Amino acid sequence: MVLNRIGLTGATGMLGRHIRAALEHEGAQVIAVGRGTAADGEAGTWDLANWLATEQFDTMFPGVQAVVHAGAMVQTAGPVDQGLMFDTNVRACVNLAQWAISRGVPVVHISSATVYEDIASGELQEDAATGWSGLGGFYGLSKLLAEDALKRLCRQGLKLAIVRPSSLYGFGLPETKMVSRFLATASAGAAIELIPPVNDRIDFVHAADVALAILAILRAEAWETFNIASGSPLSVRELAEACVSVAGQGNIVVDEIQAVQHEPVTRFGLDIGRAKHRLGWQPQSDIRQGLDMMLRECVHAGSRGLPRRVRQEV
């Protein structure tokens, strides 16, 4: 597919911003849709909790070759309106997919590695068992249900690619997330306080690498499921060390009093062989490069610290 005109939901969220930038860099016109104020003069808005008629989608996404569905309501630390999250993350997928089927428009759906039944079982391939592990709260369940619904609609003619990123980070990441907290603390010259276990490993993937994978999917018209990860899981301690290194200040303090015997586990250790072989995709940013990009983008945005938390729905 030659990328000319692509629809994008969640355009103002962390990942959506990176997807839009990547598409526009390739010369594509992006019909960017957000929840609130239109992302640009030609874009519409869509509160994902609201059901749209076919004609409304036609108006919102005129002449698009495909739609990248990056919009979602994310889990927060406090109580979550599960009904609203279901409507936003599951029902909206069905709504979009039914329109896409009627118009022959492929959909690239951004899912999550939380859909795997055992996210700590080693290098998970795309055909590994899925199921709700409880990780990610109701958000994790909503992503699983959305995948299930979309896959069933493939039998009705939906062209669908599913992207399962590991743990996403990048400019625009909510300030409550571990990467944001560690980097902000180090940038302020303060101590990153770690509570054991500090050797558990997580695969962090930069949003720019996920965006490049989406470009590759669209170009190849590869309508299947892809794991997207860095391929290099980091321990919590290693993440903290990288933040201190990139910030050029700060230090690390481990609360050894709370240390317990613990066998380290790796979360989101995804096998990315399919994306490498079928898309020719490779992750471009290691953790230090990714963290450095976050800091530089914050400075460019005129912020002294890390970006304020993005809206709950992105």
C-alpha atoms as a PDB file:
ATOM      1  CA  MET A   1       0.000   0.000   0.000  1.00  0.00           C
ATOM      2  CA  VAL A   2       1.260   3.449  -0.917  1.00  0.00           C
ATOM      3  CA  LEU A   3       0.398   5.594   2.083  1.00  0.00           C
ATOM      4  CA  ASN A   4      -1.728   8.485   0.862  1.00  0.00           C
ATOM      5  CA  ARG A   5      -4.660   9.017   3.234  1.00  0.00           C
ATOM      6  CA  ILE A   6      -4.879   7.239   6.596  1.00  0.00           C
ATOM      7  CA  GLY A   7      -7.410   7.658   9.402  1.00  0.00           C
ATOM      8  CA  LEU A   8      -6.156   7.755  12.984  1.00  0.00           C
ATOM      9  CA  THR A   9      -8.063   7.666  16.262  1.00  0.00           C
ATOM     10  CA  GLY A  10      -6.455   8.632  19.557  1.00  0.00           C
ATOM     11  CA  ALA A  11      -4.377  11.176  17.660  1.00  0.00           C
ATOM     12  CA  THR A  12      -3.665  13.332  20.717  1.00  0.00           C
ATOM     13  CA  GLY A  13      -2.484  10.489  22.938  1.00  0.00           C
ATOM     14  CA  MET A  14       1.107   9.413  23.485  1.00  0.00           C
ATOM     15  CA  LEU A  15       1.150   6.700  20.836  1.00  0.00           C
ATOM     16  CA  GLY A  16      -1.184   8.568  18.500  1.00  0.00           C
ATOM     17  CA  ARG A  17       1.201  11.533  18.335  1.00  0.00           C
ATOM     18  CA  HIS A  18       4.054   9.263  17.317  1.00  0.00           C
ATOM     19  CA  ILE A  19       1.936   7.430  14.724  1.00  0.00           C
ATOM     20  CA  ARG A  20       0.794  10.692  13.187  1.00  0.00           C
ATOM     21  CA  ALA A  21       4.343  12.035  13.020  1.00  0.00           C
ATOM     22  CA  ALA A  22       5.584   8.842  11.353  1.00  0.00           C
ATOM     23  CA  LEU A  23       2.782   8.823   8.774  1.00  0.00           C
ATOM     24  CA  GLU A  24       3.234  12.489   7.915  1.00  0.00           C
ATOM     25  CA  HIS A  25       6.993  11.985   7.613  1.00  0.00           C
ATOM     26  CA  GLU A  26       6.196   9.397   4.925  1.00  0.00           C
ATOM     27  CA  GLY A  27       4.056  11.940   3.083  1.00  0.00           C
ATOM     28  CA  ALA A  28       0.668  10.542   4.062  1.00  0.00           C
ATOM     29  CA  GLN A  29      -2.298  12.764   4.778  1.00  0.00           C
ATOM     30  CA  VAL A  30      -3.520  11.845   8.252  1.00  0.00           C
ATOM     31  CA  ILE A  31      -7.191  12.242   9.103  1.00  0.00           C
ATOM     32  CA  ALA A  32      -6.543  12.660  12.795  1.00  0.00           C
ATOM     33  CA  VAL A  33      -9.414  12.169  15.211  1.00  0.00           C
ATOM     34  CA  GLY A  34      -9.350  12.933  18.916  1.00  0.00           C
ATOM     35  CA  ARG A  35     -11.826  12.937  21.752  1.00  0.00           C
ATOM     36  CA  GLY A  36     -12.098  16.675  22.286  1.00  0.00           C
ATOM     37  CA  THR A  37     -10.971  19.538  20.088  1.00  0.00           C
ATOM     38  CA  ALA A  38     -10.304  18.505  16.503  1.00  0.00           C
ATOM     39  CA  ALA A  39      -6.680  17.560  15.942  1.00  0.00           C
ATOM     40  CA  ASP A  40      -6.491  19.781  12.860  1.00  0.00           C
ATOM     41  CA  GLY A  41      -8.752  21.858  10.661  1.00  0.00           C
ATOM     42  CA  GLU A  42      -9.998  18.880   8.655  1.00  0.00           C
ATOM     43  CA  ALA A  43     -10.328  16.347  11.450  1.00  0.00           C
ATOM     44  CA  GLY A  44     -13.406  15.368  13.362  1.00  0.00           C
ATOM     45  CA  THR A  45     -13.885  14.397  16.962  1.00  0.00           C
ATOM     46  CA  TRP A  46     -15.140  11.151  18.395  1.00  0.00           C
ATOM     47  CA  ASP A  47     -15.949  10.440  21.996  1.00  0.00           C
ATOM     48  CA  LEU A  48     -15.436   6.685  21.746  1.00  0.00           C
ATOM     49  CA  ALA A  49     -18.212   6.066  24.262  1.00  0.00           C
ATOM     50  CA  ASN A  50     -20.709   7.378  21.702  1.00  0.00           C
ATOM     51  CA  TRP A  51     -22.042   5.107  18.956  1.00  0.00           C
ATOM     52  CA  LEU A  52     -21.696   6.599  15.468  1.00  0.00           C
ATOM     53  CA  ALA A  53     -23.857   6.029  12.416  1.00  0.00           C
ATOM     54  CA  THR A  54     -22.327   4.890   9.139  1.00  0.00           C
ATOM     55  CA  GLU A  55     -22.785   8.356   7.662  1.00  0.00           C
ATOM     56  CA  GLN A  56     -20.892   9.917  10.565  1.00  0.00           C
ATOM     57  CA  PHE A  57     -17.908   7.656   9.915  1.00  0.00           C
ATOM     58  CA  ASP A  58     -18.098   8.535   6.218  1.00  0.00           C
ATOM     59  CA  THR A  59     -17.854  12.204   7.125  1.00  0.00           C
ATOM     60  CA  MET A  60     -15.091  11.645   9.659  1.00  0.00           C
ATOM     61  CA  PHE A  61     -12.897   9.407   7.473  1.00  0.00           C
ATOM     62  CA  PRO A  62     -13.549  10.412   3.848  1.00  0.00           C
ATOM     63  CA  GLY A  63     -11.585   8.386   1.328  1.00  0.00           C
ATOM     64  CA  VAL A  64      -9.183   6.760   3.787  1.00  0.00           C
ATOM     65  CA  GLN A  65      -7.185   3.693   2.766  1.00  0.00           C
ATOM     66  CA  ALA A  66      -7.103   2.329   6.322  1.00  0.00           C
ATOM     67  CA  VAL A  67      -7.800   3.381   9.902  1.00  0.00           C
ATOM     68  CA  VAL A  68      -5.307   3.009  12.739  1.00  0.00           C
ATOM     69  CA  HIS A  69      -7.348   2.648  15.918  1.00  0.00           C
ATOM     70  CA  ALA A  70      -5.110   3.933  18.712  1.00  0.00           C
ATOM     71  CA  GLY A  71      -7.864   5.518  20.783  1.00  0.00           C
ATOM     72  CA  ALA A  72      -8.628   3.976  24.168  1.00  0.00           C
ATOM     73  CA  MET A  73      -9.440   4.773  27.777  1.00  0.00           C
ATOM     74  CA  VAL A  74      -6.470   3.835  29.936  1.00  0.00           C
ATOM     75  CA  GLN A  75      -6.286   2.483  33.459  1.00  0.00           C
ATOM     76  CA  THR A  76      -5.662   4.995  36.237  1.00  0.00           C
ATOM     77  CA  ALA A  77      -4.552   4.555  39.824  1.00  0.00           C
ATOM     78  CA  GLY A  78      -7.983   5.455  41.167  1.00  0.00           C
ATOM     79  CA  PRO A  79     -11.428   3.896  40.622  1.00  0.00           C
ATOM     80  CA  VAL A  80     -12.413   3.300  37.002  1.00  0.00           C
ATOM     81  CA  ASP A  81     -15.857   3.657  35.464  1.00  0.00           C
ATOM     82  CA  GLN A  82     -15.990   0.151  34.017  1.00  0.00           C
ATOM     83  CA  GLY A  83     -19.110   0.825  31.976  1.00  0.00           C
ATOM     84  CA  LEU A  84     -17.481   3.815  30.321  1.00  0.00           C
ATOM     85  CA  MET A  85     -14.269   1.869  29.748  1.00  0.00           C
ATOM     86  CA  PHE A  86     -16.201  -0.996  28.146  1.00  0.00           C
ATOM     87  CA  ASP A  87     -18.033   1.370  25.805  1.00  0.00           C
ATOM     88  CA  THR A  88     -14.812   3.194  24.934  1.00  0.00           C
ATOM     89  CA  ASN A  89     -12.504   0.212  24.493  1.00  0.00           C
ATOM     90  CA  VAL A  90     -14.805  -2.561  23.309  1.00  0.00           C
ATOM     91  CA  ARG A  91     -18.076  -1.263  21.896  1.00  0.00           C
ATOM     92  CA  ALA A  92     -16.282   1.454  19.921  1.00  0.00           C
ATOM     93  CA  CYS A  93     -14.162  -1.229  18.225  1.00  0.00           C
ATOM     94  CA  VAL A  94     -17.297  -3.032  17.068  1.00  0.00           C
ATOM     95  CA  ASN A  95     -18.787   0.267  15.885  1.00  0.00           C
ATOM     96  CA  LEU A  96     -15.689   1.155  13.851  1.00  0.00           C
ATOM     97  CA  ALA A  97     -15.298  -2.379  12.496  1.00  0.00           C
ATOM     98  CA  GLN A  98     -18.861  -2.582  11.202  1.00  0.00           C
ATOM     99  CA  TRP A  99     -18.348   0.623   9.257  1.00  0.00           C
ATOM    100  CA  ALA A 100     -14.952  -0.592   8.017  1.00  0.00           C
ATOM    101  CA  ILE A 101     -16.501  -3.827   6.719  1.00  0.00           C
ATOM    102  CA  SER A 102     -19.200  -1.914   4.846  1.00  0.00           C
ATOM    103  CA  ARG A 103     -16.628   0.330   3.180  1.00  0.00           C
ATOM    104  CA  GLY A 104     -13.832  -2.199   2.649  1.00  0.00           C
ATOM    105  CA  VAL A 105     -11.447  -0.229   4.879  1.00  0.00           C
ATOM    106  CA  PRO A 106      -8.754  -2.189   6.771  1.00  0.00           C
ATOM    107  CA  VAL A 107      -8.249  -1.524  10.484  1.00  0.00           C
ATOM    108  CA  VAL A 108      -4.992  -1.613  12.445  1.00  0.00           C
ATOM    109  CA  HIS A 109      -6.018  -2.097  16.071  1.00  0.00           C
ATOM    110  CA  ILE A 110      -3.626  -1.206  18.881  1.00  0.00           C
ATOM    111  CA  SER A 111      -4.087  -3.863  21.539  1.00  0.00           C
ATOM    112  CA  SER A 112      -1.778  -4.746  24.430  1.00  0.00           C
ATOM    113  CA  ALA A 113       0.498  -7.520  25.639  1.00  0.00           C
ATOM    114  CA  THR A 114      -1.792  -7.742  28.680  1.00  0.00           C
ATOM    115  CA  VAL A 115      -4.056 -10.006  26.604  1.00  0.00           C
ATOM    116  CA  TYR A 116      -1.678 -12.941  27.139  1.00  0.00           C
ATOM    117  CA  GLU A 117      -2.803 -15.378  29.805  1.00  0.00           C
ATOM    118  CA  ASP A 118       0.689 -15.673  31.301  1.00  0.00           C
ATOM    119  CA  ILE A 119       2.744 -12.565  30.641  1.00  0.00           C
ATOM    120  CA  ALA A 120       5.715 -13.976  32.548  1.00  0.00           C
ATOM    121  CA  SER A 121       6.144 -17.242  30.666  1.00  0.00           C
ATOM    122  CA  GLY A 122       9.129 -16.296  28.533  1.00  0.00           C
ATOM    123  CA  GLU A 123       9.224 -15.222  24.905  1.00  0.00           C
ATOM    124  CA  LEU A 124       5.556 -15.221  23.989  1.00  0.00           C
ATOM    125  CA  GLN A 125       4.630 -15.789  20.373  1.00  0.00           C
ATOM    126  CA  GLU A 126       1.444 -14.408  18.844  1.00  0.00           C
ATOM    127  CA  ASP A 127      -0.313 -17.788  19.042  1.00  0.00           C
ATOM    128  CA  ALA A 128       0.271 -18.119  22.811  1.00  0.00           C
ATOM    129  CA  ALA A 129      -2.829 -18.527  24.964  1.00  0.00           C
ATOM    130  CA  THR A 130      -4.757 -15.356  25.711  1.00  0.00           C
ATOM    131  CA  GLY A 131      -6.842 -14.722  28.792  1.00  0.00           C
ATOM    132  CA  TRP A 132      -7.354 -12.205  31.551  1.00  0.00           C
ATOM    133  CA  SER A 133      -4.591 -12.483  34.119  1.00  0.00           C
ATOM    134  CA  GLY A 134      -5.844  -9.509  36.098  1.00  0.00           C
ATOM    135  CA  LEU A 135      -2.870  -7.434  34.966  1.00  0.00           C
ATOM    136  CA  GLY A 136      -3.885  -3.956  33.916  1.00  0.00           C
ATOM    137  CA  GLY A 137      -7.161  -4.120  35.791  1.00  0.00           C
ATOM    138  CA  PHE A 138     -10.352  -3.732  33.785  1.00  0.00           C
ATOM    139  CA  TYR A 139      -8.314  -2.106  31.019  1.00  0.00           C
ATOM    140  CA  GLY A 140      -6.561  -5.425  30.433  1.00  0.00           C
ATOM    141  CA  LEU A 141      -9.899  -7.223  30.219  1.00  0.00           C
ATOM    142  CA  SER A 142     -11.290  -4.603  27.835  1.00  0.00           C
ATOM    143  CA  LYS A 143      -8.353  -5.091  25.461  1.00  0.00           C
ATOM    144  CA  LEU A 144      -8.911  -8.844  25.488  1.00  0.00           C
ATOM    145  CA  LEU A 145     -12.636  -8.452  24.783  1.00  0.00           C
ATOM    146  CA  ALA A 146     -11.932  -5.980  21.984  1.00  0.00           C
ATOM    147  CA  GLU A 147      -9.589  -8.434  20.273  1.00  0.00           C
ATOM    148  CA  ASP A 148     -12.153 -11.215  20.593  1.00  0.00           C
ATOM    149  CA  ALA A 149     -14.886  -9.082  19.038  1.00  0.00           C
ATOM    150  CA  LEU A 150     -12.720  -7.851  16.181  1.00  0.00           C
ATOM    151  CA  LYS A 151     -11.463 -11.329  15.315  1.00  0.00           C
ATOM    152  CA  ARG A 152     -15.033 -12.582  15.055  1.00  0.00           C
ATOM    153  CA  LEU A 153     -15.846  -9.736  12.691  1.00  0.00           C
ATOM    154  CA  CYS A 154     -13.029 -10.892  10.404  1.00  0.00           C
ATOM    155  CA  ARG A 155     -15.422 -13.677   9.396  1.00  0.00           C
ATOM    156  CA  GLN A 156     -17.699 -10.938   8.087  1.00  0.00           C
ATOM    157  CA  GLY A 157     -14.938  -9.525   5.904  1.00  0.00           C
ATOM    158  CA  LEU A 158     -12.985  -7.234   8.217  1.00  0.00           C
ATOM    159  CA  LYS A 159      -9.351  -6.764   7.197  1.00  0.00           C
ATOM    160  CA  LEU A 160      -7.599  -6.542  10.549  1.00  0.00           C
ATOM    161  CA  ALA A 161      -4.093  -6.174  11.900  1.00  0.00           C
ATOM    162  CA  ILE A 162      -3.599  -6.377  15.657  1.00  0.00           C
ATOM    163  CA  VAL A 163      -0.571  -4.780  17.293  1.00  0.00           C
ATOM    164  CA  ARG A 164       0.410  -6.024  20.761  1.00  0.00           C
ATOM    165  CA  PRO A 165       3.052  -3.687  22.196  1.00  0.00           C
ATOM    166  CA  SER A 166       4.975  -4.547  25.335  1.00  0.00           C
ATOM    167  CA  SER A 167       5.240  -1.732  27.924  1.00  0.00           C
ATOM    168  CA  LEU A 168       4.977   1.541  26.005  1.00  0.00           C
ATOM    169  CA  TYR A 169       6.880   4.695  26.852  1.00  0.00           C
ATOM    170  CA  GLY A 170       7.688   7.986  25.157  1.00  0.00           C
ATOM    171  CA  PHE A 171       6.831  11.674  25.216  1.00  0.00           C
ATOM    172  CA  GLY A 172       3.314  12.105  26.597  1.00  0.00           C
ATOM    173  CA  LEU A 173       3.485   9.110  28.938  1.00  0.00           C
ATOM    174  CA  PRO A 174       1.351   9.750  32.056  1.00  0.00           C
ATOM    175  CA  GLU A 175       3.471  11.100  34.886  1.00  0.00           C
ATOM    176  CA  THR A 176       2.313   8.336  37.228  1.00  0.00           C
ATOM    177  CA  LYS A 177       4.008   5.638  35.126  1.00  0.00           C
ATOM    178  CA  MET A 178       7.300   4.200  36.352  1.00  0.00           C
ATOM    179  CA  VAL A 179       9.414   5.472  33.450  1.00  0.00           C
ATOM    180  CA  SER A 180       8.048   9.003  33.847  1.00  0.00           C
ATOM    181  CA  ARG A 181       8.503   8.991  37.617  1.00  0.00           C
ATOM    182  CA  PHE A 182      12.064   7.710  37.480  1.00  0.00           C
ATOM    183  CA  LEU A 183      13.104  10.123  34.737  1.00  0.00           C
ATOM    184  CA  ALA A 184      11.468  13.132  36.406  1.00  0.00           C
ATOM    185  CA  THR A 185      13.098  12.286  39.736  1.00  0.00           C
ATOM    186  CA  ALA A 186      16.554  11.923  38.193  1.00  0.00           C
ATOM    187  CA  SER A 187      16.115  15.111  36.153  1.00  0.00           C
ATOM    188  CA  ALA A 188      15.368  16.980  39.383  1.00  0.00           C
ATOM    189  CA  GLY A 189      18.637  15.695  40.866  1.00  0.00           C
ATOM    190  CA  ALA A 190      16.786  13.642  43.462  1.00  0.00           C
ATOM    191  CA  ALA A 191      17.069  10.020  44.561  1.00  0.00           C
ATOM    192  CA  ILE A 192      15.061   7.305  42.816  1.00  0.00           C
ATOM    193  CA  GLU A 193      13.848   5.174  45.706  1.00  0.00           C
ATOM    194  CA  LEU A 194      13.477   1.509  44.778  1.00  0.00           C
ATOM    195  CA  ILE A 195      11.542  -1.053  46.760  1.00  0.00           C
ATOM    196  CA  PRO A 196      12.490  -4.704  46.118  1.00  0.00           C
ATOM    197  CA  PRO A 197      12.128  -6.715  44.007  1.00  0.00           C
ATOM    198  CA  VAL A 198      14.396  -4.618  41.800  1.00  0.00           C
ATOM    199  CA  ASN A 199      15.584  -7.403  39.494  1.00  0.00           C
ATOM    200  CA  ASP A 200      12.234  -8.179  37.877  1.00  0.00           C
ATOM    201  CA  ARG A 201      12.483  -7.396  34.174  1.00  0.00           C
ATOM    202  CA  ILE A 202      10.086  -5.595  31.844  1.00  0.00           C
ATOM    203  CA  ASP A 203      10.297  -5.053  28.098  1.00  0.00           C
ATOM    204  CA  PHE A 204       9.903  -1.320  27.422  1.00  0.00           C
ATOM    205  CA  VAL A 205       9.254  -0.291  23.822  1.00  0.00           C
ATOM    206  CA  HIS A 206       9.373   3.295  22.597  1.00  0.00           C
ATOM    207  CA  ALA A 207       6.237   4.644  20.922  1.00  0.00           C
ATOM    208  CA  ALA A 208       8.299   5.671  17.883  1.00  0.00           C
ATOM    209  CA  ASP A 209       9.238   2.033  17.274  1.00  0.00           C
ATOM    210  CA  VAL A 210       5.589   0.994  17.497  1.00  0.00           C
ATOM    211  CA  ALA A 211       4.720   3.719  15.000  1.00  0.00           C
ATOM    212  CA  LEU A 212       7.338   2.385  12.568  1.00  0.00           C
ATOM    213  CA  ALA A 213       5.859  -1.104  12.906  1.00  0.00           C
ATOM    214  CA  ILE A 214       2.429   0.279  12.017  1.00  0.00           C
ATOM    215  CA  LEU A 215       3.867   1.918   8.897  1.00  0.00           C
ATOM    216  CA  ALA A 216       5.356  -1.434   7.905  1.00  0.00           C
ATOM    217  CA  ILE A 217       2.027  -3.209   8.450  1.00  0.00           C
ATOM    218  CA  LEU A 218       0.199  -0.714   6.240  1.00  0.00           C
ATOM    219  CA  ARG A 219       2.809  -0.850   3.487  1.00  0.00           C
ATOM    220  CA  ALA A 220       2.803  -4.657   3.442  1.00  0.00           C
ATOM    221  CA  GLU A 221      -0.984  -4.905   3.920  1.00  0.00           C
ATOM    222  CA  ALA A 222      -0.182  -7.520   6.552  1.00  0.00           C
ATOM    223  CA  TRP A 223      -3.540  -8.226   8.161  1.00  0.00           C
ATOM    224  CA  GLU A 224      -2.493 -10.397  11.089  1.00  0.00           C
ATOM    225  CA  THR A 225      -1.299 -10.120  14.698  1.00  0.00           C
ATOM    226  CA  PHE A 226       2.141  -8.769  15.613  1.00  0.00           C
ATOM    227  CA  ASN A 227       4.066  -8.539  18.866  1.00  0.00           C
ATOM    228  CA  ILE A 228       6.030  -5.291  19.025  1.00  0.00           C
ATOM    229  CA  ALA A 229       8.709  -4.974  21.706  1.00  0.00           C
ATOM    230  CA  SER A 230      12.301  -3.869  22.188  1.00  0.00           C
ATOM    231  CA  GLY A 231      13.519  -7.446  22.588  1.00  0.00           C
ATOM    232  CA  SER A 232      15.714  -6.320  25.497  1.00  0.00           C
ATOM    233  CA  PRO A 233      13.878  -6.513  28.838  1.00  0.00           C
ATOM    234  CA  LEU A 234      15.327  -4.365  31.629  1.00  0.00           C
ATOM    235  CA  SER A 235      15.302  -4.855  35.364  1.00  0.00           C
ATOM    236  CA  VAL A 236      13.750  -2.125  37.491  1.00  0.00           C
ATOM    237  CA  ARG A 237      17.243  -1.281  38.732  1.00  0.00           C
ATOM    238  CA  GLU A 238      18.593  -1.053  35.170  1.00  0.00           C
ATOM    239  CA  LEU A 239      15.763   1.303  34.216  1.00  0.00           C
ATOM    240  CA  ALA A 240      16.597   3.549  37.166  1.00  0.00           C
ATOM    241  CA  GLU A 241      20.289   3.491  36.225  1.00  0.00           C
ATOM    242  CA  ALA A 242      19.436   4.459  32.647  1.00  0.00           C
ATOM    243  CA  CYS A 243      17.329   7.394  33.868  1.00  0.00           C
ATOM    244  CA  VAL A 244      20.172   8.663  36.057  1.00  0.00           C
ATOM    245  CA  SER A 245      22.630   8.260  33.180  1.00  0.00           C
ATOM    246  CA  VAL A 246      20.458  10.130  30.670  1.00  0.00           C
ATOM    247  CA  ALA A 247      19.538  12.897  33.112  1.00  0.00           C
ATOM    248  CA  GLY A 248      23.163  13.317  34.126  1.00  0.00           C
ATOM    249  CA  GLN A 249      22.159  13.671  37.758  1.00  0.00           C
ATOM    250  CA  GLY A 250      20.200  12.000  40.525  1.00  0.00           C
ATOM    251  CA  ASN A 251      20.988   8.753  42.294  1.00  0.00           C
ATOM    252  CA  ILE A 252      19.413   5.453  43.327  1.00  0.00           C
ATOM    253  CA  VAL A 253      18.491   4.269  46.808  1.00  0.00           C
ATOM    254  CA  VAL A 254      17.261   0.707  47.398  1.00  0.00           C
ATOM    255  CA  ASP A 255      15.151   0.009  50.481  1.00  0.00           C
ATOM    256  CA  GLU A 256      16.960  -3.169  51.555  1.00  0.00           C
ATOM    257  CA  ILE A 257      14.800  -3.423  54.691  1.00  0.00           C
ATOM    258  CA  GLN A 258      11.906  -4.584  52.531  1.00  0.00           C
ATOM    259  CA  ALA A 259      14.020  -7.063  50.574  1.00  0.00           C
ATOM    260  CA  VAL A 260      12.604 -10.587  50.394  1.00  0.00           C
ATOM    261  CA  GLN A 261      13.644 -13.825  48.737  1.00  0.00           C
ATOM    262  CA  HIS A 262      12.282 -13.556  45.238  1.00  0.00           C
ATOM    263  CA  GLU A 263      12.903 -15.341  41.961  1.00  0.00           C
ATOM    264  CA  PRO A 264      13.120 -12.600  39.303  1.00  0.00           C
ATOM    265  CA  VAL A 265      10.442 -12.684  36.612  1.00  0.00           C
ATOM    266  CA  THR A 266      10.263 -11.083  33.175  1.00  0.00           C
ATOM    267  CA  ARG A 267       7.030  -9.426  32.063  1.00  0.00           C
ATOM    268  CA  PHE A 268       6.136  -8.749  28.441  1.00  0.00           C
ATOM    269  CA  GLY A 269       9.019 -10.810  27.105  1.00  0.00           C
ATOM    270  CA  LEU A 270       7.532 -10.974  23.629  1.00  0.00           C
ATOM    271  CA  ASP A 271       8.900 -12.868  20.645  1.00  0.00           C
ATOM    272  CA  ILE A 272       9.163 -10.302  17.833  1.00  0.00           C
ATOM    273  CA  GLY A 273      10.321 -12.707  15.144  1.00  0.00           C
ATOM    274  CA  ARG A 274       7.126 -12.393  13.096  1.00  0.00           C
ATOM    275  CA  ALA A 275       7.438  -8.600  12.836  1.00  0.00           C
ATOM    276  CA  LYS A 276      11.107  -8.891  11.912  1.00  0.00           C
ATOM    277  CA  HIS A 277      10.614 -11.532   9.235  1.00  0.00           C
ATOM    278  CA  ARG A 278       7.288 -10.498   7.698  1.00  0.00           C
ATOM    279  CA  LEU A 279       7.565  -6.732   7.996  1.00  0.00           C
ATOM    280  CA  GLY A 280      11.310  -6.199   7.904  1.00  0.00           C
ATOM    281  CA  TRP A 281      10.857  -4.228  11.124  1.00  0.00           C
ATOM    282  CA  GLN A 282      13.487  -3.777  13.813  1.00  0.00           C
ATOM    283  CA  PRO A 283      13.350  -1.706  17.019  1.00  0.00           C
ATOM    284  CA  GLN A 284      15.462   1.411  16.519  1.00  0.00           C
ATOM    285  CA  SER A 285      15.709   2.864  20.032  1.00  0.00           C
ATOM    286  CA  ASP A 286      17.419   1.332  23.028  1.00  0.00           C
ATOM    287  CA  ILE A 287      16.327   2.550  26.461  1.00  0.00           C
ATOM    288  CA  ARG A 288      18.889   5.345  26.706  1.00  0.00           C
ATOM    289  CA  GLN A 289      18.034   6.669  23.262  1.00  0.00           C
ATOM    290  CA  GLY A 290      14.334   6.520  24.093  1.00  0.00           C
ATOM    291  CA  LEU A 291      14.740   8.294  27.424  1.00  0.00           C
ATOM    292  CA  ASP A 292      16.919  10.940  25.804  1.00  0.00           C
ATOM    293  CA  MET A 293      14.189  11.575  23.217  1.00  0.00           C
ATOM    294  CA  MET A 294      11.658  12.013  26.034  1.00  0.00           C
ATOM    295  CA  LEU A 295      13.831  14.627  27.727  1.00  0.00           C
ATOM    296  CA  ARG A 296      14.609  16.524  24.523  1.00  0.00           C
ATOM    297  CA  GLU A 297      10.939  16.591  23.509  1.00  0.00           C
ATOM    298  CA  CYS A 298      10.022  17.957  26.936  1.00  0.00           C
ATOM    299  CA  VAL A 299      12.514  20.782  26.493  1.00  0.00           C
ATOM    300  CA  HIS A 300      11.194  21.464  22.981  1.00  0.00           C
ATOM    301  CA  ALA A 301       7.656  21.600  24.394  1.00  0.00           C
ATOM    302  CA  GLY A 302       8.795  24.235  26.869  1.00  0.00           C
ATOM    303  CA  SER A 303       8.449  22.059  29.968  1.00  0.00           C
ATOM    304  CA  ARG A 304      11.049  22.050  32.710  1.00  0.00           C
ATOM    305  CA  GLY A 305      10.020  18.581  33.786  1.00  0.00           C
ATOM    306  CA  LEU A 306       8.194  15.722  32.145  1.00  0.00           C
ATOM    307  CA  PRO A 307       4.862  16.348  30.417  1.00  0.00           C
ATOM    308  CA  ARG A 308       1.780  16.614  32.557  1.00  0.00           C
ATOM    309  CA  ARG A 309      -0.506  13.636  32.517  1.00  0.00           C
ATOM    310  CA  VAL A 310      -2.436  13.235  29.290  1.00  0.00           C
ATOM    311  CA  ARG A 311      -6.198  12.905  29.369  1.00  0.00           C
ATOM    312  CA  GLN A 312      -7.588   9.626  30.640  1.00  0.00           C
ATOM    313  CA  GLU A 313      -8.892   8.782  27.205  1.00  0.00           C
ATOM    314  CA  VAL A 314      -6.213   8.832  24.547  1.00  0.00           C
END
